[in-house]
Amino acid sequence: MQHNTKYTYETPARELTNEITLTPGQFPGQTVLHHEIRTLPSSRPFYHSDVFRNQSQTFYIPTSVLQLTVRADSLVLVNRAPTFPEIMWGKSDYAKGDIQEKYYLYVMPTHYCYPIPELSEWLGTLWEDATDLSAFLLTLTKKIKEQFQYVPGATDVESDVQAFYKLRAGVCQDFTHWMLAALRSLGIPCRYVSGYIYDRAGVLLGTQAMHAWVDVLVHDDTWVGLDPTNGCIAGESHVYLSVGRDYRDIVPIKGVYKGTLQTMEVDVKVQINSQS
């Protein structure tokens, strides 16, 4: 995988401090063979991890620049079947206090994902009518894909569930936030996943840049990836970068600088080495 981001400044920018979260994580069914991040102008990164165990790099460029390029190269081996595990909790297990307490970070409302009156109406009796957890999760995933439109440019990075529902259109970030809000309203721990998707058949949405989907806790420390944008279970086409409560926790590149406004260009190339 190759992820290039180029910033161009109207006038020289100085004292650039940035945090990069573009390192693929070691998740089940995924092995990182190589990873490297380079900047131009060159910099010496400081490596660290956050509360979600995401790996990030912070770098500082003291000189004035008109352009900054960040390039992340990764080689990842993926061996993940798009299936549910054999052992999963029952619907009643999510009401247990120990689960709610241990995973409270993943059930509480966030800046992007919070309950709105329209959400419970939209869910209807889907949870009550479900025969088991896997049936409910797959039905919910497909319902989101069917009832919302994938329209790049309809929303922006600051759009929340209220804005998405009003438009009934958005991108993978919005689909993911809506599913997170729905699950959390039912007390089901879930997290935002930032990563990449590779599509050999040319039928999946969200392959042009970074992708987002949902990880659902289905048993003790067992998570299943569900992609509401494509209405499917995350399999060997999905590469995990980082996880968090919502987009705010896993912004790919963020930082501060002194200077004028900028333009940003992103180019992503993904090729997955899969192992059956």
C-alpha atoms as a PDB file:
ATOM      1  CA  MET A   1       0.000   0.000   0.000  1.00  0.00           C
ATOM      2  CA  GLN A   2       1.182   3.505  -0.744  1.00  0.00           C
ATOM      3  CA  HIS A   3      -0.479   6.571   0.784  1.00  0.00           C
ATOM      4  CA  ASN A   4       0.726   9.982  -0.412  1.00  0.00           C
ATOM      5  CA  THR A   5      -0.469  13.291   1.031  1.00  0.00           C
ATOM      6  CA  LYS A   6       0.761  16.599  -0.337  1.00  0.00           C
ATOM      7  CA  TYR A   7       0.126  19.996   1.277  1.00  0.00           C
ATOM      8  CA  THR A   8       0.739  23.183  -0.695  1.00  0.00           C
ATOM      9  CA  TYR A   9       0.867  26.534   1.117  1.00  0.00           C
ATOM     10  CA  GLU A  10       0.052  29.942  -0.356  1.00  0.00           C
ATOM     11  CA  THR A  11       2.949  31.510   1.504  1.00  0.00           C
ATOM     12  CA  PRO A  12       5.811  29.815   3.380  1.00  0.00           C
ATOM     13  CA  ALA A  13       4.533  27.806   6.359  1.00  0.00           C
ATOM     14  CA  ARG A  14       6.784  27.374   9.360  1.00  0.00           C
ATOM     15  CA  GLU A  15       7.030  25.415  12.596  1.00  0.00           C
ATOM     16  CA  LEU A  16       4.982  22.506  11.298  1.00  0.00           C
ATOM     17  CA  THR A  17       4.064  19.937  13.929  1.00  0.00           C
ATOM     18  CA  ASN A  18       2.060  16.952  12.730  1.00  0.00           C
ATOM     19  CA  GLU A  19       0.814  13.628  14.048  1.00  0.00           C
ATOM     20  CA  ILE A  20       0.490  10.793  11.532  1.00  0.00           C
ATOM     21  CA  THR A  21      -1.746   7.777  12.188  1.00  0.00           C
ATOM     22  CA  LEU A  22      -1.133   5.724   9.056  1.00  0.00           C
ATOM     23  CA  THR A  23       0.537   2.643  10.532  1.00  0.00           C
ATOM     24  CA  PRO A  24      -1.298  -0.659   9.935  1.00  0.00           C
ATOM     25  CA  GLY A  25      -2.017  -2.400  13.218  1.00  0.00           C
ATOM     26  CA  GLN A  26      -1.447  -6.033  14.153  1.00  0.00           C
ATOM     27  CA  PHE A  27      -5.048  -7.265  14.130  1.00  0.00           C
ATOM     28  CA  PRO A  28      -6.409 -10.819  13.898  1.00  0.00           C
ATOM     29  CA  GLY A  29      -5.987 -12.105  10.367  1.00  0.00           C
ATOM     30  CA  GLN A  30      -3.497  -9.386   9.520  1.00  0.00           C
ATOM     31  CA  THR A  31       0.296  -9.316   9.676  1.00  0.00           C
ATOM     32  CA  VAL A  32       2.349  -6.200   8.974  1.00  0.00           C
ATOM     33  CA  LEU A  33       5.489  -7.185   7.070  1.00  0.00           C
ATOM     34  CA  HIS A  34       6.863  -3.708   6.414  1.00  0.00           C
ATOM     35  CA  HIS A  35       5.946  -0.125   7.168  1.00  0.00           C
ATOM     36  CA  GLU A  36       7.734   3.158   6.568  1.00  0.00           C
ATOM     37  CA  ILE A  37       6.752   6.817   6.708  1.00  0.00           C
ATOM     38  CA  ARG A  38       8.813   9.523   5.039  1.00  0.00           C
ATOM     39  CA  THR A  39       8.325  13.260   4.830  1.00  0.00           C
ATOM     40  CA  LEU A  40       9.684  15.851   2.432  1.00  0.00           C
ATOM     41  CA  PRO A  41      11.320  17.946   3.827  1.00  0.00           C
ATOM     42  CA  SER A  42      12.743  15.088   5.859  1.00  0.00           C
ATOM     43  CA  SER A  43      12.079  14.859   9.583  1.00  0.00           C
ATOM     44  CA  ARG A  44      12.843  12.642  12.548  1.00  0.00           C
ATOM     45  CA  PRO A  45       9.597  11.163  13.884  1.00  0.00           C
ATOM     46  CA  PHE A  46       8.730  10.412  17.495  1.00  0.00           C
ATOM     47  CA  TYR A  47       6.846   7.099  17.802  1.00  0.00           C
ATOM     48  CA  HIS A  48       4.075   6.546  20.321  1.00  0.00           C
ATOM     49  CA  SER A  49       0.786   4.701  20.847  1.00  0.00           C
ATOM     50  CA  ASP A  50      -2.565   5.886  22.186  1.00  0.00           C
ATOM     51  CA  VAL A  51      -5.173   4.405  24.543  1.00  0.00           C
ATOM     52  CA  PHE A  52      -6.550   2.336  21.651  1.00  0.00           C
ATOM     53  CA  ARG A  53      -3.057   0.951  20.892  1.00  0.00           C
ATOM     54  CA  ASN A  54      -2.844   2.772  17.583  1.00  0.00           C
ATOM     55  CA  GLN A  55       0.694   3.513  16.453  1.00  0.00           C
ATOM     56  CA  SER A  56       1.402   7.123  15.514  1.00  0.00           C
ATOM     57  CA  GLN A  57       4.367   9.302  14.620  1.00  0.00           C
ATOM     58  CA  THR A  58       4.813  12.950  15.509  1.00  0.00           C
ATOM     59  CA  PHE A  59       7.272  15.074  13.581  1.00  0.00           C
ATOM     60  CA  TYR A  60       8.416  18.687  13.614  1.00  0.00           C
ATOM     61  CA  ILE A  61       9.787  20.746  10.715  1.00  0.00           C
ATOM     62  CA  PRO A  62      11.283  24.028  11.929  1.00  0.00           C
ATOM     63  CA  THR A  63      12.148  25.469   8.502  1.00  0.00           C
ATOM     64  CA  SER A  64       9.752  27.409   6.277  1.00  0.00           C
ATOM     65  CA  VAL A  65       8.230  25.382   3.436  1.00  0.00           C
ATOM     66  CA  LEU A  66       5.874  25.927   0.528  1.00  0.00           C
ATOM     67  CA  GLN A  67       5.075  22.242   0.224  1.00  0.00           C
ATOM     68  CA  LEU A  68       4.967  19.239   2.555  1.00  0.00           C
ATOM     69  CA  THR A  69       4.698  15.634   1.399  1.00  0.00           C
ATOM     70  CA  VAL A  70       3.959  12.659   3.638  1.00  0.00           C
ATOM     71  CA  ARG A  71       4.378   9.177   2.177  1.00  0.00           C
ATOM     72  CA  ALA A  72       3.415   5.955   3.959  1.00  0.00           C
ATOM     73  CA  ASP A  73       4.459   2.607   2.450  1.00  0.00           C
ATOM     74  CA  SER A  74       3.179  -0.657   3.925  1.00  0.00           C
ATOM     75  CA  LEU A  75       3.240  -4.338   3.085  1.00  0.00           C
ATOM     76  CA  VAL A  76       0.490  -6.318   4.812  1.00  0.00           C
ATOM     77  CA  LEU A  77      -0.444  -9.979   4.701  1.00  0.00           C
ATOM     78  CA  VAL A  78      -4.192 -10.498   5.133  1.00  0.00           C
ATOM     79  CA  ASN A  79      -5.827 -13.829   5.939  1.00  0.00           C
ATOM     80  CA  ARG A  80      -9.312 -13.006   7.194  1.00  0.00           C
ATOM     81  CA  ALA A  81     -12.456 -14.875   6.207  1.00  0.00           C
ATOM     82  CA  PRO A  82     -15.634 -12.760   5.997  1.00  0.00           C
ATOM     83  CA  THR A  83     -17.511 -14.851   8.545  1.00  0.00           C
ATOM     84  CA  PHE A  84     -18.768 -14.654  12.113  1.00  0.00           C
ATOM     85  CA  PRO A  85     -16.873 -16.630  14.792  1.00  0.00           C
ATOM     86  CA  GLU A  86     -18.361 -19.856  16.106  1.00  0.00           C
ATOM     87  CA  ILE A  87     -18.665 -18.525  19.659  1.00  0.00           C
ATOM     88  CA  MET A  88     -20.702 -15.321  20.076  1.00  0.00           C
ATOM     89  CA  TRP A  89     -22.690 -13.743  22.865  1.00  0.00           C
ATOM     90  CA  GLY A  90     -26.434 -13.910  22.939  1.00  0.00           C
ATOM     91  CA  LYS A  91     -28.569 -10.790  22.738  1.00  0.00           C
ATOM     92  CA  SER A  92     -29.193 -10.765  26.492  1.00  0.00           C
ATOM     93  CA  ASP A  93     -25.472 -10.739  27.327  1.00  0.00           C
ATOM     94  CA  TYR A  94     -25.131  -7.073  26.370  1.00  0.00           C
ATOM     95  CA  ALA A  95     -27.314  -6.019  29.275  1.00  0.00           C
ATOM     96  CA  LYS A  96     -24.766  -7.373  31.758  1.00  0.00           C
ATOM     97  CA  GLY A  97     -23.092  -4.708  33.853  1.00  0.00           C
ATOM     98  CA  ASP A  98     -19.574  -6.101  33.549  1.00  0.00           C
ATOM     99  CA  ILE A  99     -19.614  -5.784  29.746  1.00  0.00           C
ATOM    100  CA  GLN A 100     -20.959  -2.241  29.882  1.00  0.00           C
ATOM    101  CA  GLU A 101     -18.339  -1.278  32.467  1.00  0.00           C
ATOM    102  CA  LYS A 102     -15.341  -2.907  30.788  1.00  0.00           C
ATOM    103  CA  TYR A 103     -16.124  -1.503  27.343  1.00  0.00           C
ATOM    104  CA  TYR A 104     -17.694   1.792  28.374  1.00  0.00           C
ATOM    105  CA  LEU A 105     -15.546   3.721  25.875  1.00  0.00           C
ATOM    106  CA  TYR A 106     -17.334   1.923  23.063  1.00  0.00           C
ATOM    107  CA  VAL A 107     -20.915   2.404  24.229  1.00  0.00           C
ATOM    108  CA  MET A 108     -20.918   6.057  25.234  1.00  0.00           C
ATOM    109  CA  PRO A 109     -22.030   8.810  22.805  1.00  0.00           C
ATOM    110  CA  THR A 110     -19.322  10.785  20.990  1.00  0.00           C
ATOM    111  CA  HIS A 111     -19.003  13.983  18.988  1.00  0.00           C
ATOM    112  CA  TYR A 112     -20.129  12.291  15.754  1.00  0.00           C
ATOM    113  CA  CYS A 113     -22.183   9.386  17.131  1.00  0.00           C
ATOM    114  CA  TYR A 114     -25.014  10.146  19.495  1.00  0.00           C
ATOM    115  CA  PRO A 115     -28.693   9.147  19.745  1.00  0.00           C
ATOM    116  CA  ILE A 116     -31.175  11.288  17.861  1.00  0.00           C
ATOM    117  CA  PRO A 117     -34.967  10.792  17.916  1.00  0.00           C
ATOM    118  CA  GLU A 118     -34.961   9.580  14.314  1.00  0.00           C
ATOM    119  CA  LEU A 119     -32.515   6.776  15.143  1.00  0.00           C
ATOM    120  CA  SER A 120     -34.844   4.687  17.305  1.00  0.00           C
ATOM    121  CA  GLU A 121     -37.631   5.097  14.749  1.00  0.00           C
ATOM    122  CA  TRP A 122     -35.269   4.023  11.972  1.00  0.00           C
ATOM    123  CA  LEU A 123     -34.194   0.935  13.929  1.00  0.00           C
ATOM    124  CA  GLY A 124     -37.775  -0.035  14.673  1.00  0.00           C
ATOM    125  CA  THR A 125     -38.031  -3.556  16.110  1.00  0.00           C
ATOM    126  CA  LEU A 126     -34.958  -4.867  14.312  1.00  0.00           C
ATOM    127  CA  TRP A 127     -33.181  -5.762  17.559  1.00  0.00           C
ATOM    128  CA  GLU A 128     -36.237  -7.233  19.241  1.00  0.00           C
ATOM    129  CA  ASP A 129     -37.153  -9.327  16.190  1.00  0.00           C
ATOM    130  CA  ALA A 130     -33.665 -10.730  15.578  1.00  0.00           C
ATOM    131  CA  THR A 131     -33.277 -14.453  16.248  1.00  0.00           C
ATOM    132  CA  ASP A 132     -29.588 -14.171  17.107  1.00  0.00           C
ATOM    133  CA  LEU A 133     -26.722 -11.682  17.155  1.00  0.00           C
ATOM    134  CA  SER A 134     -25.204 -12.574  13.782  1.00  0.00           C
ATOM    135  CA  ALA A 135     -28.565 -12.267  12.015  1.00  0.00           C
ATOM    136  CA  PHE A 136     -29.160  -8.861  13.566  1.00  0.00           C
ATOM    137  CA  LEU A 137     -25.710  -7.515  12.707  1.00  0.00           C
ATOM    138  CA  LEU A 138     -25.869  -8.623   9.097  1.00  0.00           C
ATOM    139  CA  THR A 139     -29.402  -7.294   8.670  1.00  0.00           C
ATOM    140  CA  LEU A 140     -28.401  -3.933  10.156  1.00  0.00           C
ATOM    141  CA  THR A 141     -25.327  -3.706   7.930  1.00  0.00           C
ATOM    142  CA  LYS A 142     -27.352  -4.373   4.783  1.00  0.00           C
ATOM    143  CA  LYS A 143     -30.164  -2.033   5.833  1.00  0.00           C
ATOM    144  CA  ILE A 144     -27.754   0.897   6.114  1.00  0.00           C
ATOM    145  CA  LYS A 145     -26.332   0.195   2.663  1.00  0.00           C
ATOM    146  CA  GLU A 146     -29.822  -0.058   1.154  1.00  0.00           C
ATOM    147  CA  GLN A 147     -31.361   3.019   2.779  1.00  0.00           C
ATOM    148  CA  PHE A 148     -28.525   5.529   2.409  1.00  0.00           C
ATOM    149  CA  GLN A 149     -26.733   6.662  -0.730  1.00  0.00           C
ATOM    150  CA  TYR A 150     -22.978   6.719  -1.184  1.00  0.00           C
ATOM    151  CA  VAL A 151     -22.327  10.213  -2.569  1.00  0.00           C
ATOM    152  CA  PRO A 152     -18.772  11.619  -2.306  1.00  0.00           C
ATOM    153  CA  GLY A 153     -18.889  15.321  -1.477  1.00  0.00           C
ATOM    154  CA  ALA A 154     -22.370  15.235   0.051  1.00  0.00           C
ATOM    155  CA  THR A 155     -20.859  15.606   3.535  1.00  0.00           C
ATOM    156  CA  ASP A 156     -17.527  16.677   5.010  1.00  0.00           C
ATOM    157  CA  VAL A 157     -15.286  15.483   7.845  1.00  0.00           C
ATOM    158  CA  GLU A 158     -17.325  17.458  10.386  1.00  0.00           C
ATOM    159  CA  SER A 159     -20.703  15.928   9.465  1.00  0.00           C
ATOM    160  CA  ASP A 160     -22.368  14.010  12.297  1.00  0.00           C
ATOM    161  CA  VAL A 161     -25.257  11.528  12.394  1.00  0.00           C
ATOM    162  CA  GLN A 162     -27.852  14.304  12.345  1.00  0.00           C
ATOM    163  CA  ALA A 163     -26.464  15.790   9.128  1.00  0.00           C
ATOM    164  CA  PHE A 164     -26.119  12.363   7.527  1.00  0.00           C
ATOM    165  CA  TYR A 165     -29.681  11.345   8.322  1.00  0.00           C
ATOM    166  CA  LYS A 166     -31.053  14.607   6.979  1.00  0.00           C
ATOM    167  CA  LEU A 167     -29.266  14.133   3.652  1.00  0.00           C
ATOM    168  CA  ARG A 168     -29.657  10.351   3.554  1.00  0.00           C
ATOM    169  CA  ALA A 169     -26.341  10.430   1.700  1.00  0.00           C
ATOM    170  CA  GLY A 170     -22.656  10.545   2.498  1.00  0.00           C
ATOM    171  CA  VAL A 171     -19.432   8.552   2.440  1.00  0.00           C
ATOM    172  CA  CYS A 172     -17.996   5.628   4.404  1.00  0.00           C
ATOM    173  CA  GLN A 173     -17.262   7.822   7.444  1.00  0.00           C
ATOM    174  CA  ASP A 174     -20.957   8.742   7.671  1.00  0.00           C
ATOM    175  CA  PHE A 175     -22.209   5.185   7.135  1.00  0.00           C
ATOM    176  CA  THR A 176     -19.868   4.045   9.895  1.00  0.00           C
ATOM    177  CA  HIS A 177     -20.921   6.752  12.350  1.00  0.00           C
ATOM    178  CA  TRP A 178     -24.586   5.921  11.783  1.00  0.00           C
ATOM    179  CA  MET A 179     -24.019   2.235  12.488  1.00  0.00           C
ATOM    180  CA  LEU A 180     -21.989   3.047  15.599  1.00  0.00           C
ATOM    181  CA  ALA A 181     -24.777   5.266  16.916  1.00  0.00           C
ATOM    182  CA  ALA A 182     -27.368   2.562  16.247  1.00  0.00           C
ATOM    183  CA  LEU A 183     -25.390  -0.187  18.003  1.00  0.00           C
ATOM    184  CA  ARG A 184     -24.453   1.963  20.976  1.00  0.00           C
ATOM    185  CA  SER A 185     -28.083   2.981  21.464  1.00  0.00           C
ATOM    186  CA  LEU A 186     -28.707  -0.724  22.113  1.00  0.00           C
ATOM    187  CA  GLY A 187     -25.768  -1.070  24.507  1.00  0.00           C
ATOM    188  CA  ILE A 188     -23.591  -2.985  22.028  1.00  0.00           C
ATOM    189  CA  PRO A 189     -19.881  -2.027  22.239  1.00  0.00           C
ATOM    190  CA  CYS A 190     -18.446  -1.091  18.860  1.00  0.00           C
ATOM    191  CA  ARG A 191     -15.582   0.943  17.461  1.00  0.00           C
ATOM    192  CA  TYR A 192     -14.656   2.985  14.401  1.00  0.00           C
ATOM    193  CA  VAL A 193     -12.119   1.372  12.063  1.00  0.00           C
ATOM    194  CA  SER A 194      -9.902   3.357   9.726  1.00  0.00           C
ATOM    195  CA  GLY A 195      -8.170   1.477   6.944  1.00  0.00           C
ATOM    196  CA  TYR A 196      -8.073   0.574   3.293  1.00  0.00           C
ATOM    197  CA  ILE A 197     -10.173  -1.590   1.041  1.00  0.00           C
ATOM    198  CA  TYR A 198      -9.027  -3.384  -2.092  1.00  0.00           C
ATOM    199  CA  ASP A 199     -11.512  -4.600  -4.670  1.00  0.00           C
ATOM    200  CA  ARG A 200     -10.434  -7.054  -7.346  1.00  0.00           C
ATOM    201  CA  ALA A 201     -13.932  -7.322  -8.793  1.00  0.00           C
ATOM    202  CA  GLY A 202     -14.584  -3.576  -8.996  1.00  0.00           C
ATOM    203  CA  VAL A 203     -17.884  -3.664  -7.101  1.00  0.00           C
ATOM    204  CA  LEU A 204     -16.986  -2.265  -3.669  1.00  0.00           C
ATOM    205  CA  LEU A 205     -17.452   1.384  -2.675  1.00  0.00           C
ATOM    206  CA  GLY A 206     -14.788   3.484  -0.958  1.00  0.00           C
ATOM    207  CA  THR A 207     -11.721   2.145  -2.752  1.00  0.00           C
ATOM    208  CA  GLN A 208     -10.525   5.511  -4.038  1.00  0.00           C
ATOM    209  CA  ALA A 209      -8.971   6.649  -0.745  1.00  0.00           C
ATOM    210  CA  MET A 210      -9.095   5.600   2.894  1.00  0.00           C
ATOM    211  CA  HIS A 211     -12.052   3.533   4.035  1.00  0.00           C
ATOM    212  CA  ALA A 212     -13.983   3.190   7.299  1.00  0.00           C
ATOM    213  CA  TRP A 213     -16.114   0.464   8.827  1.00  0.00           C
ATOM    214  CA  VAL A 214     -17.317  -0.876  12.199  1.00  0.00           C
ATOM    215  CA  ASP A 215     -15.845  -3.392  14.620  1.00  0.00           C
ATOM    216  CA  VAL A 216     -18.489  -5.005  16.863  1.00  0.00           C
ATOM    217  CA  LEU A 217     -17.663  -6.787  20.102  1.00  0.00           C
ATOM    218  CA  VAL A 218     -19.280 -10.223  19.818  1.00  0.00           C
ATOM    219  CA  HIS A 219     -17.498 -12.060  22.656  1.00  0.00           C
ATOM    220  CA  ASP A 220     -14.687 -11.504  25.175  1.00  0.00           C
ATOM    221  CA  ASP A 221     -12.134  -9.386  23.280  1.00  0.00           C
ATOM    222  CA  THR A 222     -13.463 -10.754  19.985  1.00  0.00           C
ATOM    223  CA  TRP A 223     -14.360  -8.175  17.352  1.00  0.00           C
ATOM    224  CA  VAL A 224     -16.027  -8.636  13.965  1.00  0.00           C
ATOM    225  CA  GLY A 225     -15.645  -6.065  11.205  1.00  0.00           C
ATOM    226  CA  LEU A 226     -18.821  -4.989   9.400  1.00  0.00           C
ATOM    227  CA  ASP A 227     -18.791  -2.639   6.417  1.00  0.00           C
ATOM    228  CA  PRO A 228     -22.128  -0.770   6.174  1.00  0.00           C
ATOM    229  CA  THR A 229     -21.025   1.119   3.062  1.00  0.00           C
ATOM    230  CA  ASN A 230     -20.834  -2.182   1.182  1.00  0.00           C
ATOM    231  CA  GLY A 231     -23.258  -4.218   3.290  1.00  0.00           C
ATOM    232  CA  CYS A 232     -20.757  -6.957   4.058  1.00  0.00           C
ATOM    233  CA  ILE A 233     -18.487  -8.531   6.661  1.00  0.00           C
ATOM    234  CA  ALA A 234     -14.892  -7.267   6.540  1.00  0.00           C
ATOM    235  CA  GLY A 235     -12.682  -9.907   4.932  1.00  0.00           C
ATOM    236  CA  GLU A 236      -9.361 -10.147   3.157  1.00  0.00           C
ATOM    237  CA  SER A 237     -10.102  -6.978   1.168  1.00  0.00           C
ATOM    238  CA  HIS A 238     -10.055  -4.872   4.346  1.00  0.00           C
ATOM    239  CA  VAL A 239      -6.784  -3.644   5.873  1.00  0.00           C
ATOM    240  CA  TYR A 240      -6.970  -2.284   9.419  1.00  0.00           C
ATOM    241  CA  LEU A 241      -4.974   0.842  10.243  1.00  0.00           C
ATOM    242  CA  SER A 242      -6.408   2.065  13.535  1.00  0.00           C
ATOM    243  CA  VAL A 243      -9.493   2.010  15.741  1.00  0.00           C
ATOM    244  CA  GLY A 244     -11.260   4.480  18.026  1.00  0.00           C
ATOM    245  CA  ARG A 245     -14.618   5.740  19.192  1.00  0.00           C
ATOM    246  CA  ASP A 246     -15.215   7.798  16.045  1.00  0.00           C
ATOM    247  CA  TYR A 247     -13.297   9.672  13.353  1.00  0.00           C
ATOM    248  CA  ARG A 248     -11.836  12.159  15.828  1.00  0.00           C
ATOM    249  CA  ASP A 249      -9.732   9.411  17.416  1.00  0.00           C
ATOM    250  CA  ILE A 250      -8.054   8.268  14.214  1.00  0.00           C
ATOM    251  CA  VAL A 251      -7.528  11.354  12.028  1.00  0.00           C
ATOM    252  CA  PRO A 252      -4.815  10.202   9.552  1.00  0.00           C
ATOM    253  CA  ILE A 253      -2.804  13.426   9.647  1.00  0.00           C
ATOM    254  CA  LYS A 254      -3.378  16.370  11.937  1.00  0.00           C
ATOM    255  CA  GLY A 255      -1.252  19.197  13.235  1.00  0.00           C
ATOM    256  CA  VAL A 256      -0.540  22.887  13.499  1.00  0.00           C
ATOM    257  CA  TYR A 257       1.674  25.393  11.694  1.00  0.00           C
ATOM    258  CA  LYS A 258       2.189  29.116  11.271  1.00  0.00           C
ATOM    259  CA  GLY A 259       1.186  30.392   7.875  1.00  0.00           C
ATOM    260  CA  THR A 260      -1.651  30.781   5.386  1.00  0.00           C
ATOM    261  CA  LEU A 261      -4.284  28.424   4.082  1.00  0.00           C
ATOM    262  CA  GLN A 262      -3.331  25.286   2.205  1.00  0.00           C
ATOM    263  CA  THR A 263      -4.523  22.810  -0.396  1.00  0.00           C
ATOM    264  CA  MET A 264      -4.280  19.064   0.118  1.00  0.00           C
ATOM    265  CA  GLU A 265      -3.964  16.233  -2.389  1.00  0.00           C
ATOM    266  CA  VAL A 266      -4.263  12.559  -1.401  1.00  0.00           C
ATOM    267  CA  ASP A 267      -3.272   9.604  -3.573  1.00  0.00           C
ATOM    268  CA  VAL A 268      -3.794   6.047  -2.348  1.00  0.00           C
ATOM    269  CA  LYS A 269      -2.646   2.857  -4.076  1.00  0.00           C
ATOM    270  CA  VAL A 270      -3.614  -0.461  -2.488  1.00  0.00           C
ATOM    271  CA  GLN A 271      -2.556  -3.966  -3.387  1.00  0.00           C
ATOM    272  CA  ILE A 272      -3.192  -6.691  -0.825  1.00  0.00           C
ATOM    273  CA  ASN A 273      -1.162  -9.867  -0.516  1.00  0.00           C
ATOM    274  CA  SER A 274      -3.837 -12.352   0.582  1.00  0.00           C
ATOM    275  CA  GLN A 275      -3.279 -15.844   1.904  1.00  0.00           C
ATOM    276  CA  SER A 276      -6.030 -18.422   1.700  1.00  0.00           C
END
